[in-house]
PDB file of N, CA and C in Angstrom:
ATOM      1  N   MET A   1      15.720   8.244   0.778  1.00  0.00           N
ATOM      2  CA  MET A   1      15.438   7.396   1.925  1.00  0.00           C
ATOM      3  C   MET A   1      15.003   5.998   1.489  1.00  0.00           C
ATOM      4  N   GLU A   2      14.425   5.898   0.273  1.00  0.00           N
ATOM      5  CA  GLU A   2      13.976   4.579  -0.180  1.00  0.00           C
ATOM      6  C   GLU A   2      15.111   3.566  -0.166  1.00  0.00           C
ATOM      7  N   ILE A   3      16.286   4.000  -0.611  1.00  0.00           N
ATOM      8  CA  ILE A   3      17.415   3.066  -0.708  1.00  0.00           C
ATOM      9  C   ILE A   3      17.843   2.593   0.675  1.00  0.00           C
ATOM     10  N   GLN A   4      17.800   3.476   1.674  1.00  0.00           N
ATOM     11  CA  GLN A   4      18.151   3.057   3.041  1.00  0.00           C
ATOM     12  C   GLN A   4      17.156   2.015   3.555  1.00  0.00           C
ATOM     13  N   ILE A   5      15.883   2.234   3.273  1.00  0.00           N
ATOM     14  CA  ILE A   5      14.857   1.269   3.689  1.00  0.00           C
ATOM     15  C   ILE A   5      15.076  -0.056   2.964  1.00  0.00           C
ATOM     16  N   LEU A   6      15.322   0.021   1.664  1.00  0.00           N
ATOM     17  CA  LEU A   6      15.574  -1.179   0.872  1.00  0.00           C
ATOM     18  C   LEU A   6      16.759  -1.965   1.434  1.00  0.00           C
ATOM     19  N   GLU A   7      17.865  -1.293   1.660  1.00  0.00           N
ATOM     20  CA  GLU A   7      19.068  -1.964   2.159  1.00  0.00           C
ATOM     21  C   GLU A   7      18.833  -2.564   3.535  1.00  0.00           C
ATOM     22  N   TYR A   8      18.110  -1.847   4.380  1.00  0.00           N
ATOM     23  CA  TYR A   8      17.812  -2.338   5.723  1.00  0.00           C
ATOM     24  C   TYR A   8      16.959  -3.605   5.662  1.00  0.00           C
ATOM     25  N   LEU A   9      15.903  -3.572   4.852  1.00  0.00           N
ATOM     26  CA  LEU A   9      15.041  -4.741   4.723  1.00  0.00           C
ATOM     27  C   LEU A   9      15.809  -5.928   4.156  1.00  0.00           C
ATOM     28  N   LYS A  10      16.598  -5.678   3.131  1.00  0.00           N
ATOM     29  CA  LYS A  10      17.344  -6.757   2.489  1.00  0.00           C
ATOM     30  C   LYS A  10      18.357  -7.377   3.458  1.00  0.00           C
ATOM     31  N   ARG A  11      19.006  -6.551   4.250  1.00  0.00           N
ATOM     32  CA  ARG A  11      20.043  -7.041   5.168  1.00  0.00           C
ATOM     33  C   ARG A  11      19.482  -7.750   6.399  1.00  0.00           C
ATOM     34  N   TYR A  12      18.436  -7.168   6.995  1.00  0.00           N
ATOM     35  CA  TYR A  12      17.951  -7.666   8.288  1.00  0.00           C
ATOM     36  C   TYR A  12      16.598  -8.369   8.240  1.00  0.00           C
ATOM     37  N   HIS A  13      15.861  -8.182   7.154  1.00  0.00           N
ATOM     38  CA  HIS A  13      14.480  -8.693   7.131  1.00  0.00           C
ATOM     39  C   HIS A  13      14.142  -9.382   5.808  1.00  0.00           C
ATOM     40  N   THR A  14      14.998 -10.310   5.403  1.00  0.00           N
ATOM     41  CA  THR A  14      14.727 -11.102   4.201  1.00  0.00           C
ATOM     42  C   THR A  14      13.941 -12.336   4.608  1.00  0.00           C
ATOM     43  N   GLY A  15      12.824 -12.531   3.950  1.00  0.00           N
ATOM     44  CA  GLY A  15      11.953 -13.671   4.225  1.00  0.00           C
ATOM     45  C   GLY A  15      10.829 -13.322   5.174  1.00  0.00           C
ATOM     46  N   ARG A  16       9.700 -13.957   4.953  1.00  0.00           N
ATOM     47  CA  ARG A  16       8.491 -13.690   5.749  1.00  0.00           C
ATOM     48  C   ARG A  16       8.716 -13.899   7.239  1.00  0.00           C
ATOM     49  N   GLY A  17       9.517 -14.878   7.585  1.00  0.00           N
ATOM     50  CA  GLY A  17       9.785 -15.160   8.992  1.00  0.00           C
ATOM     51  C   GLY A  17      10.575 -14.083   9.705  1.00  0.00           C
ATOM     52  N   ARG A  18      11.139 -13.155   8.939  1.00  0.00           N
ATOM     53  CA  ARG A  18      11.913 -12.056   9.533  1.00  0.00           C
ATOM     54  C   ARG A  18      11.259 -10.701   9.276  1.00  0.00           C
ATOM     55  N   ALA A  19       9.966 -10.719   9.020  1.00  0.00           N
ATOM     56  CA  ALA A  19       9.237  -9.471   8.753  1.00  0.00           C
ATOM     57  C   ALA A  19       9.356  -8.519   9.940  1.00  0.00           C
ATOM     58  N   VAL A  20       9.300  -7.235   9.630  1.00  0.00           N
ATOM     59  CA  VAL A  20       9.410  -6.203  10.655  1.00  0.00           C
ATOM     60  C   VAL A  20       8.127  -5.362  10.649  1.00  0.00           C
ATOM     61  N   PRO A  21       7.536  -5.134  11.825  1.00  0.00           N
ATOM     62  CA  PRO A  21       6.326  -4.300  11.873  1.00  0.00           C
ATOM     63  C   PRO A  21       6.602  -2.881  11.381  1.00  0.00           C
ATOM     64  N   SER A  22       5.602  -2.290  10.767  1.00  0.00           N
ATOM     65  CA  SER A  22       5.764  -0.929  10.251  1.00  0.00           C
ATOM     66  C   SER A  22       6.126   0.044  11.366  1.00  0.00           C
ATOM     67  N   SER A  23       5.603  -0.171  12.575  1.00  0.00           N
ATOM     68  CA  SER A  23       5.916   0.750  13.683  1.00  0.00           C
ATOM     69  C   SER A  23       7.409   0.778  13.981  1.00  0.00           C
ATOM     70  N   LEU A  24       8.071  -0.361  13.848  1.00  0.00           N
ATOM     71  CA  LEU A  24       9.516  -0.390  14.087  1.00  0.00           C
ATOM     72  C   LEU A  24      10.278   0.292  12.961  1.00  0.00           C
ATOM     73  N   LEU A  25       9.819   0.133  11.729  1.00  0.00           N
ATOM     74  CA  LEU A  25      10.451   0.839  10.611  1.00  0.00           C
ATOM     75  C   LEU A  25      10.248   2.347  10.741  1.00  0.00           C
ATOM     76  N   GLU A  26       9.060   2.748  11.163  1.00  0.00           N
ATOM     77  CA  GLU A  26       8.785   4.174  11.356  1.00  0.00           C
ATOM     78  C   GLU A  26       9.743   4.754  12.386  1.00  0.00           C
ATOM     79  N   ALA A  27       9.943   4.046  13.479  1.00  0.00           N
ATOM     80  CA  ALA A  27      10.859   4.518  14.522  1.00  0.00           C
ATOM     81  C   ALA A  27      12.301   4.510  14.026  1.00  0.00           C
ATOM     82  N   ARG A  28      12.688   3.466  13.326  1.00  0.00           N
ATOM     83  CA  ARG A  28      14.068   3.312  12.841  1.00  0.00           C
ATOM     84  C   ARG A  28      14.448   4.432  11.884  1.00  0.00           C
ATOM     85  N   PHE A  29      13.500   4.834  11.020  1.00  0.00           N
ATOM     86  CA  PHE A  29      13.783   5.856  10.011  1.00  0.00           C
ATOM     87  C   PHE A  29      13.168   7.210  10.343  1.00  0.00           C
ATOM     88  N   ASP A  30      12.562   7.309  11.532  1.00  0.00           N
ATOM     89  CA  ASP A  30      11.968   8.561  12.009  1.00  0.00           C
ATOM     90  C   ASP A  30      11.000   9.156  10.978  1.00  0.00           C
ATOM     91  N   ILE A  31      10.051   8.316  10.534  1.00  0.00           N
ATOM     92  CA  ILE A  31       9.022   8.761   9.595  1.00  0.00           C
ATOM     93  C   ILE A  31       7.660   8.269  10.069  1.00  0.00           C
ATOM     94  N   ARG A  32       6.632   8.904   9.561  1.00  0.00           N
ATOM     95  CA  ARG A  32       5.259   8.506   9.890  1.00  0.00           C
ATOM     96  C   ARG A  32       4.812   7.371   8.973  1.00  0.00           C
ATOM     97  N   GLY A  33       3.724   6.726   9.360  1.00  0.00           N
ATOM     98  CA  GLY A  33       3.199   5.597   8.606  1.00  0.00           C
ATOM     99  C   GLY A  33       2.912   5.904   7.151  1.00  0.00           C
ATOM    100  N   ALA A  34       2.294   7.060   6.890  1.00  0.00           N
ATOM    101  CA  ALA A  34       1.957   7.421   5.508  1.00  0.00           C
ATOM    102  C   ALA A  34       3.224   7.575   4.663  1.00  0.00           C
ATOM    103  N   GLU A  35       4.255   8.148   5.248  1.00  0.00           N
ATOM    104  CA  GLU A  35       5.511   8.323   4.515  1.00  0.00           C
ATOM    105  C   GLU A  35       6.183   6.972   4.267  1.00  0.00           C
ATOM    106  N   LEU A  36       6.130   6.080   5.247  1.00  0.00           N
ATOM    107  CA  LEU A  36       6.697   4.744   5.065  1.00  0.00           C
ATOM    108  C   LEU A  36       5.977   4.026   3.928  1.00  0.00           C
ATOM    109  N   ARG A  37       4.651   4.071   3.924  1.00  0.00           N
ATOM    110  CA  ARG A  37       3.892   3.411   2.867  1.00  0.00           C
ATOM    111  C   ARG A  37       4.239   3.998   1.494  1.00  0.00           C
ATOM    112  N   LYS A  38       4.449   5.300   1.435  1.00  0.00           N
ATOM    113  CA  LYS A  38       4.840   5.955   0.182  1.00  0.00           C
ATOM    114  C   LYS A  38       6.208   5.443  -0.279  1.00  0.00           C
ATOM    115  N   GLN A  39       7.144   5.337   0.650  1.00  0.00           N
ATOM    116  CA  GLN A  39       8.484   4.862   0.313  1.00  0.00           C
ATOM    117  C   GLN A  39       8.435   3.404  -0.164  1.00  0.00           C
ATOM    118  N   ILE A  40       7.673   2.575   0.532  1.00  0.00           N
ATOM    119  CA  ILE A  40       7.523   1.167   0.144  1.00  0.00           C
ATOM    120  C   ILE A  40       6.889   1.075  -1.239  1.00  0.00           C
ATOM    121  N   ASN A  41       5.865   1.881  -1.486  1.00  0.00           N
ATOM    122  CA  ASN A  41       5.206   1.879  -2.795  1.00  0.00           C
ATOM    123  C   ASN A  41       6.185   2.270  -3.902  1.00  0.00           C
ATOM    124  N   THR A  42       7.025   3.260  -3.639  1.00  0.00           N
ATOM    125  CA  THR A  42       8.021   3.684  -4.626  1.00  0.00           C
ATOM    126  C   THR A  42       8.987   2.541  -4.927  1.00  0.00           C
ATOM    127  N   LEU A  43       9.458   1.870  -3.884  1.00  0.00           N
ATOM    128  CA  LEU A  43      10.369   0.741  -4.085  1.00  0.00           C
ATOM    129  C   LEU A  43       9.709  -0.362  -4.907  1.00  0.00           C
ATOM    130  N   ARG A  44       8.486  -0.692  -4.551  1.00  0.00           N
ATOM    131  CA  ARG A  44       7.760  -1.726  -5.298  1.00  0.00           C
ATOM    132  C   ARG A  44       7.561  -1.306  -6.745  1.00  0.00           C
ATOM    133  N   SER A  45       7.195  -0.057  -6.965  1.00  0.00           N
ATOM    134  CA  SER A  45       6.976   0.453  -8.317  1.00  0.00           C
ATOM    135  C   SER A  45       8.258   0.406  -9.139  1.00  0.00           C
ATOM    136  N   ASP A  46       9.393   0.540  -8.467  1.00  0.00           N
ATOM    137  CA  ASP A  46      10.695   0.467  -9.144  1.00  0.00           C
ATOM    138  C   ASP A  46      11.163  -0.973  -9.358  1.00  0.00           C
ATOM    139  N   GLY A  47      10.366  -1.942  -8.907  1.00  0.00           N
ATOM    140  CA  GLY A  47      10.678  -3.335  -9.169  1.00  0.00           C
ATOM    141  C   GLY A  47      11.409  -4.076  -8.067  1.00  0.00           C
ATOM    142  N   TYR A  48      11.500  -3.485  -6.885  1.00  0.00           N
ATOM    143  CA  TYR A  48      12.154  -4.172  -5.768  1.00  0.00           C
ATOM    144  C   TYR A  48      11.147  -5.083  -5.064  1.00  0.00           C
ATOM    145  N   PRO A  49      11.552  -6.297  -4.713  1.00  0.00           N
ATOM    146  CA  PRO A  49      10.627  -7.289  -4.146  1.00  0.00           C
ATOM    147  C   PRO A  49      10.354  -7.092  -2.653  1.00  0.00           C
ATOM    148  N   ILE A  50       9.647  -6.020  -2.338  1.00  0.00           N
ATOM    149  CA  ILE A  50       9.284  -5.730  -0.951  1.00  0.00           C
ATOM    150  C   ILE A  50       7.895  -6.322  -0.709  1.00  0.00           C
ATOM    151  N   CYS A  51       7.826  -7.221   0.234  1.00  0.00           N
ATOM    152  CA  CYS A  51       6.571  -7.899   0.554  1.00  0.00           C
ATOM    153  C   CYS A  51       6.014  -7.377   1.872  1.00  0.00           C
ATOM    154  N   SER A  52       4.784  -7.750   2.129  1.00  0.00           N
ATOM    155  CA  SER A  52       4.168  -7.404   3.408  1.00  0.00           C
ATOM    156  C   SER A  52       3.141  -8.468   3.759  1.00  0.00           C
ATOM    157  N   GLY A  53       2.877  -8.541   5.030  1.00  0.00           N
ATOM    158  CA  GLY A  53       1.882  -9.481   5.524  1.00  0.00           C
ATOM    159  C   GLY A  53       1.417  -9.021   6.888  1.00  0.00           C
ATOM    160  N   GLU A  54       0.751  -9.889   7.603  1.00  0.00           N
ATOM    161  CA  GLU A  54       0.210  -9.537   8.921  1.00  0.00           C
ATOM    162  C   GLU A  54       1.285  -9.131   9.916  1.00  0.00           C
ATOM    163  N   THR A  55       2.510  -9.627   9.721  1.00  0.00           N
ATOM    164  CA  THR A  55       3.579  -9.336  10.686  1.00  0.00           C
ATOM    165  C   THR A  55       4.477  -8.187  10.260  1.00  0.00           C
ATOM    166  N   GLY A  56       4.253  -7.633   9.085  1.00  0.00           N
ATOM    167  CA  GLY A  56       5.032  -6.473   8.674  1.00  0.00           C
ATOM    168  C   GLY A  56       5.613  -6.584   7.279  1.00  0.00           C
ATOM    169  N   TYR A  57       6.659  -5.787   7.051  1.00  0.00           N
ATOM    170  CA  TYR A  57       7.328  -5.722   5.754  1.00  0.00           C
ATOM    171  C   TYR A  57       8.567  -6.603   5.759  1.00  0.00           C
ATOM    172  N   TYR A  58       8.922  -7.109   4.567  1.00  0.00           N
ATOM    173  CA  TYR A  58      10.141  -7.884   4.432  1.00  0.00           C
ATOM    174  C   TYR A  58      10.569  -7.931   2.970  1.00  0.00           C
ATOM    175  N   TYR A  59      11.847  -8.214   2.773  1.00  0.00           N
ATOM    176  CA  TYR A  59      12.396  -8.395   1.435  1.00  0.00           C
ATOM    177  C   TYR A  59      12.133  -9.844   1.047  1.00  0.00           C
ATOM    178  N   ALA A  60      11.578 -10.078  -0.121  1.00  0.00           N
ATOM    179  CA  ALA A  60      11.197 -11.431  -0.531  1.00  0.00           C
ATOM    180  C   ALA A  60      12.407 -12.358  -0.588  1.00  0.00           C
ATOM    181  N   ALA A  61      12.212 -13.568  -0.076  1.00  0.00           N
ATOM    182  CA  ALA A  61      13.245 -14.596  -0.139  1.00  0.00           C
ATOM    183  C   ALA A  61      12.935 -15.605  -1.236  1.00  0.00           C
ATOM    184  N   SER A  62      11.713 -15.536  -1.788  1.00  0.00           N
ATOM    185  CA  SER A  62      11.325 -16.515  -2.807  1.00  0.00           C
ATOM    186  C   SER A  62      10.216 -15.951  -3.691  1.00  0.00           C
ATOM    187  N   ARG A  63      10.043 -16.619  -4.796  1.00  0.00           N
ATOM    188  CA  ARG A  63       8.950 -16.275  -5.721  1.00  0.00           C
ATOM    189  C   ARG A  63       7.596 -16.471  -5.035  1.00  0.00           C
ATOM    190  N   ARG A  64       7.511 -17.483  -4.196  1.00  0.00           N
ATOM    191  CA  ARG A  64       6.270 -17.782  -3.482  1.00  0.00           C
ATOM    192  C   ARG A  64       5.861 -16.621  -2.566  1.00  0.00           C
ATOM    193  N   GLU A  65       6.824 -16.067  -1.840  1.00  0.00           N
ATOM    194  CA  GLU A  65       6.522 -14.920  -0.970  1.00  0.00           C
ATOM    195  C   GLU A  65       6.061 -13.727  -1.794  1.00  0.00           C
ATOM    196  N   LEU A  66       6.723 -13.495  -2.897  1.00  0.00           N
ATOM    197  CA  LEU A  66       6.352 -12.380  -3.763  1.00  0.00           C
ATOM    198  C   LEU A  66       4.943 -12.578  -4.321  1.00  0.00           C
ATOM    199  N   SER A  67       4.614 -13.796  -4.711  1.00  0.00           N
ATOM    200  CA  SER A  67       3.283 -14.098  -5.237  1.00  0.00           C
ATOM    201  C   SER A  67       2.197 -13.847  -4.199  1.00  0.00           C
ATOM    202  N   ALA A  68       2.487 -14.166  -2.940  1.00  0.00           N
ATOM    203  CA  ALA A  68       1.503 -13.933  -1.876  1.00  0.00           C
ATOM    204  C   ALA A  68       1.204 -12.443  -1.730  1.00  0.00           C
ATOM    205  N   THR A  69       2.233 -11.600  -1.809  1.00  0.00           N
ATOM    206  CA  THR A  69       2.018 -10.157  -1.709  1.00  0.00           C
ATOM    207  C   THR A  69       1.275  -9.637  -2.932  1.00  0.00           C
ATOM    208  N   ILE A  70       1.579 -10.166  -4.095  1.00  0.00           N
ATOM    209  CA  ILE A  70       0.864  -9.763  -5.313  1.00  0.00           C
ATOM    210  C   ILE A  70      -0.616 -10.106  -5.190  1.00  0.00           C
ATOM    211  N   ARG A  71      -0.934 -11.295  -4.665  1.00  0.00           N
ATOM    212  CA  ARG A  71      -2.341 -11.676  -4.465  1.00  0.00           C
ATOM    213  C   ARG A  71      -3.020 -10.737  -3.470  1.00  0.00           C
ATOM    214  N   GLN A  72      -2.318 -10.411  -2.395  1.00  0.00           N
ATOM    215  CA  GLN A  72      -2.871  -9.506  -1.383  1.00  0.00           C
ATOM    216  C   GLN A  72      -3.182  -8.130  -1.999  1.00  0.00           C
ATOM    217  N   LEU A  73      -2.259  -7.598  -2.787  1.00  0.00           N
ATOM    218  CA  LEU A  73      -2.475  -6.296  -3.419  1.00  0.00           C
ATOM    219  C   LEU A  73      -3.626  -6.360  -4.425  1.00  0.00           C
ATOM    220  N   SER A  74      -3.712  -7.451  -5.173  1.00  0.00           N
ATOM    221  CA  SER A  74      -4.809  -7.604  -6.141  1.00  0.00           C
ATOM    222  C   SER A  74      -6.161  -7.617  -5.443  1.00  0.00           C
ATOM    223  N   SER A  75      -6.230  -8.266  -4.294  1.00  0.00           N
ATOM    224  CA  SER A  75      -7.464  -8.294  -3.517  1.00  0.00           C
ATOM    225  C   SER A  75      -7.845  -6.892  -3.054  1.00  0.00           C
ATOM    226  N   ARG A  76      -6.857  -6.142  -2.598  1.00  0.00           N
ATOM    227  CA  ARG A  76      -7.117  -4.767  -2.149  1.00  0.00           C
ATOM    228  C   ARG A  76      -7.602  -3.892  -3.294  1.00  0.00           C
ATOM    229  N   ILE A  77      -7.017  -4.087  -4.478  1.00  0.00           N
ATOM    230  CA  ILE A  77      -7.432  -3.312  -5.645  1.00  0.00           C
ATOM    231  C   ILE A  77      -8.901  -3.574  -5.937  1.00  0.00           C
ATOM    232  N   GLY A  78      -9.320  -4.834  -5.869  1.00  0.00           N
ATOM    233  CA  GLY A  78     -10.716  -5.188  -6.114  1.00  0.00           C
ATOM    234  C   GLY A  78     -11.656  -4.539  -5.114  1.00  0.00           C
ATOM    235  N   LYS A  79     -11.262  -4.528  -3.848  1.00  0.00           N
ATOM    236  CA  LYS A  79     -12.101  -3.924  -2.810  1.00  0.00           C
ATOM    237  C   LYS A  79     -12.183  -2.411  -2.961  1.00  0.00           C
ATOM    238  N   ILE A  80     -11.077  -1.790  -3.333  1.00  0.00           N
ATOM    239  CA  ILE A  80     -11.083  -0.340  -3.555  1.00  0.00           C
ATOM    240  C   ILE A  80     -11.963   0.000  -4.754  1.00  0.00           C
ATOM    241  N   ALA A  81     -11.872  -0.794  -5.814  1.00  0.00           N
ATOM    242  CA  ALA A  81     -12.705  -0.563  -7.005  1.00  0.00           C
ATOM    243  C   ALA A  81     -14.191  -0.695  -6.667  1.00  0.00           C
ATOM    244  N   ALA A  82     -14.542  -1.682  -5.846  1.00  0.00           N
ATOM    245  CA  ALA A  82     -15.943  -1.861  -5.450  1.00  0.00           C
ATOM    246  C   ALA A  82     -16.428  -0.658  -4.640  1.00  0.00           C
ATOM    247  N   ALA A  83     -15.592  -0.153  -3.752  1.00  0.00           N
ATOM    248  CA  ALA A  83     -15.963   1.025  -2.958  1.00  0.00           C
ATOM    249  C   ALA A  83     -16.146   2.247  -3.855  1.00  0.00           C
ATOM    250  N   LYS A  84     -15.243   2.428  -4.809  1.00  0.00           N
ATOM    251  CA  LYS A  84     -15.349   3.556  -5.739  1.00  0.00           C
ATOM    252  C   LYS A  84     -16.627   3.457  -6.557  1.00  0.00           C
ATOM    253  N   ASN A  85     -16.935   2.264  -7.045  1.00  0.00           N
ATOM    254  CA  ASN A  85     -18.151   2.088  -7.844  1.00  0.00           C
ATOM    255  C   ASN A  85     -19.402   2.375  -7.031  1.00  0.00           C
ATOM    256  N   GLY A  86     -19.406   2.006  -5.769  1.00  0.00           N
ATOM    257  CA  GLY A  86     -20.533   2.326  -4.894  1.00  0.00           C
ATOM    258  C   GLY A  86     -20.697   3.823  -4.717  1.00  0.00           C
ATOM    259  N   LEU A  87     -19.585   4.535  -4.570  1.00  0.00           N
ATOM    260  CA  LEU A  87     -19.651   5.989  -4.430  1.00  0.00           C
ATOM    261  C   LEU A  87     -20.125   6.651  -5.721  1.00  0.00           C
ATOM    262  N   VAL A  88     -19.726   6.110  -6.852  1.00  0.00           N
ATOM    263  CA  VAL A  88     -20.197   6.649  -8.134  1.00  0.00           C
ATOM    264  C   VAL A  88     -21.714   6.494  -8.223  1.00  0.00           C
ATOM    265  N   ARG A  89     -22.224   5.324  -7.805  1.00  0.00           N
ATOM    266  CA  ARG A  89     -23.685   5.135  -7.800  1.00  0.00           C
ATOM    267  C   ARG A  89     -24.353   6.097  -6.825  1.00  0.00           C
ATOM    268  N   ALA A  90     -23.703   6.403  -5.722  1.00  0.00           N
ATOM    269  CA  ALA A  90     -24.270   7.311  -4.721  1.00  0.00           C
ATOM    270  C   ALA A  90     -24.368   8.741  -5.228  1.00  0.00           C
ATOM    271  N   MET A  91     -23.637   9.073  -6.272  1.00  0.00           N
ATOM    272  CA  MET A  91     -23.709  10.424  -6.840  1.00  0.00           C
ATOM    273  C   MET A  91     -25.145  10.762  -7.246  1.00  0.00           C
ATOM    274  N   ASN A  92     -25.945   9.760  -7.582  1.00  0.00           N
ATOM    275  CA  ASN A  92     -27.332   9.987  -7.980  1.00  0.00           C
ATOM    276  C   ASN A  92     -28.177  10.520  -6.834  1.00  0.00           C
ATOM    277  N   LEU A  93     -27.703  10.410  -5.617  1.00  0.00           N
ATOM    278  CA  LEU A  93     -28.437  10.906  -4.451  1.00  0.00           C
ATOM    279  C   LEU A  93     -28.327  12.421  -4.293  1.00  0.00           C
ATOM    280  N   PHE A  94     -27.419  13.024  -5.046  1.00  0.00           N
ATOM    281  CA  PHE A  94     -27.156  14.451  -4.905  1.00  0.00           C
ATOM    282  C   PHE A  94     -27.433  15.172  -6.211  1.00  0.00           C
ATOM    283  N   PRO A  95     -28.032  16.369  -6.119  1.00  0.00           N
ATOM    284  CA  PRO A  95     -28.292  17.128  -7.347  1.00  0.00           C
ATOM    285  C   PRO A  95     -26.980  17.571  -7.981  1.00  0.00           C
ATOM    286  N   ASP A  96     -27.008  17.744  -9.282  1.00  0.00           N
ATOM    287  CA  ASP A  96     -25.837  18.224 -10.007  1.00  0.00           C
ATOM    288  C   ASP A  96     -25.646  19.694  -9.668  1.00  0.00           C
ATOM    289  N   GLU A  97     -24.587  20.008  -8.960  1.00  0.00           N
ATOM    290  CA  GLU A  97     -24.344  21.373  -8.489  1.00  0.00           C
ATOM    291  C   GLU A  97     -23.862  22.300  -9.598  1.00  0.00           C
ATOM    292  N   SER A  98     -23.517  21.746 -10.738  1.00  0.00           N
ATOM    293  CA  SER A  98     -23.035  22.594 -11.820  1.00  0.00           C
ATOM    294  C   SER A  98     -24.180  23.214 -12.612  1.00  0.00           C
ATOM    295  N   GLN A  99     -25.378  22.680 -12.434  1.00  0.00           N
ATOM    296  CA  GLN A  99     -26.526  23.232 -13.147  1.00  0.00           C
ATOM    297  C   GLN A  99     -27.171  24.311 -12.278  1.00  0.00           C
ATOM    298  N   ILE A 100     -27.514  25.406 -12.922  1.00  0.00           N
ATOM    299  CA  ILE A 100     -28.177  26.510 -12.223  1.00  0.00           C
ATOM    300  C   ILE A 100     -29.669  26.272 -12.308  1.00  0.00           C
ATOM    301  N   SER A 101     -30.332  26.354 -11.167  1.00  0.00           N
ATOM    302  CA  SER A 101     -31.781  26.197 -11.196  1.00  0.00           C
ATOM    303  C   SER A 101     -32.424  27.537 -10.859  1.00  0.00           C
ATOM    304  N   LEU A 102     -33.458  27.849 -11.586  1.00  0.00           N
ATOM    305  CA  LEU A 102     -34.188  29.091 -11.366  1.00  0.00           C
ATOM    306  C   LEU A 102     -35.511  28.770 -10.722  1.00  0.00           C
ATOM    307  N   GLN A 103     -35.828  29.514  -9.693  1.00  0.00           N
ATOM    308  CA  GLN A 103     -37.112  29.329  -9.048  1.00  0.00           C
ATOM    309  C   GLN A 103     -38.161  30.096  -9.833  1.00  0.00           C
ATOM    310  N   LEU A 104     -39.236  29.398 -10.140  1.00  0.00           N
ATOM    311  CA  LEU A 104     -40.308  30.047 -10.912  1.00  0.00           C
ATOM    312  C   LEU A 104     -41.449  30.435 -10.023  1.00  0.00           C
TER     313      LEU A 104
END
């Protein structure tokens, strides 16, 4: 299905000005949002220039558009890392369940 999504984006939605909302892609390919995001991630991981922004997904028309999506993803990575680090610190709030405690 990734190739169908790729071909569709490249043919009908090249450039930021022709971005398509994820809801329309979900309807077009009869898939849920999580599956669409998985397919887009696979395409990106394979090196296809699939961009996204506030208005939806699109096939990059320029290096500038691709750079904007790379910056957006880098920002998200930083925020996810900060959230993970906070949760790691929160582990101290809970006893280690792997240790057996004996009541004396």
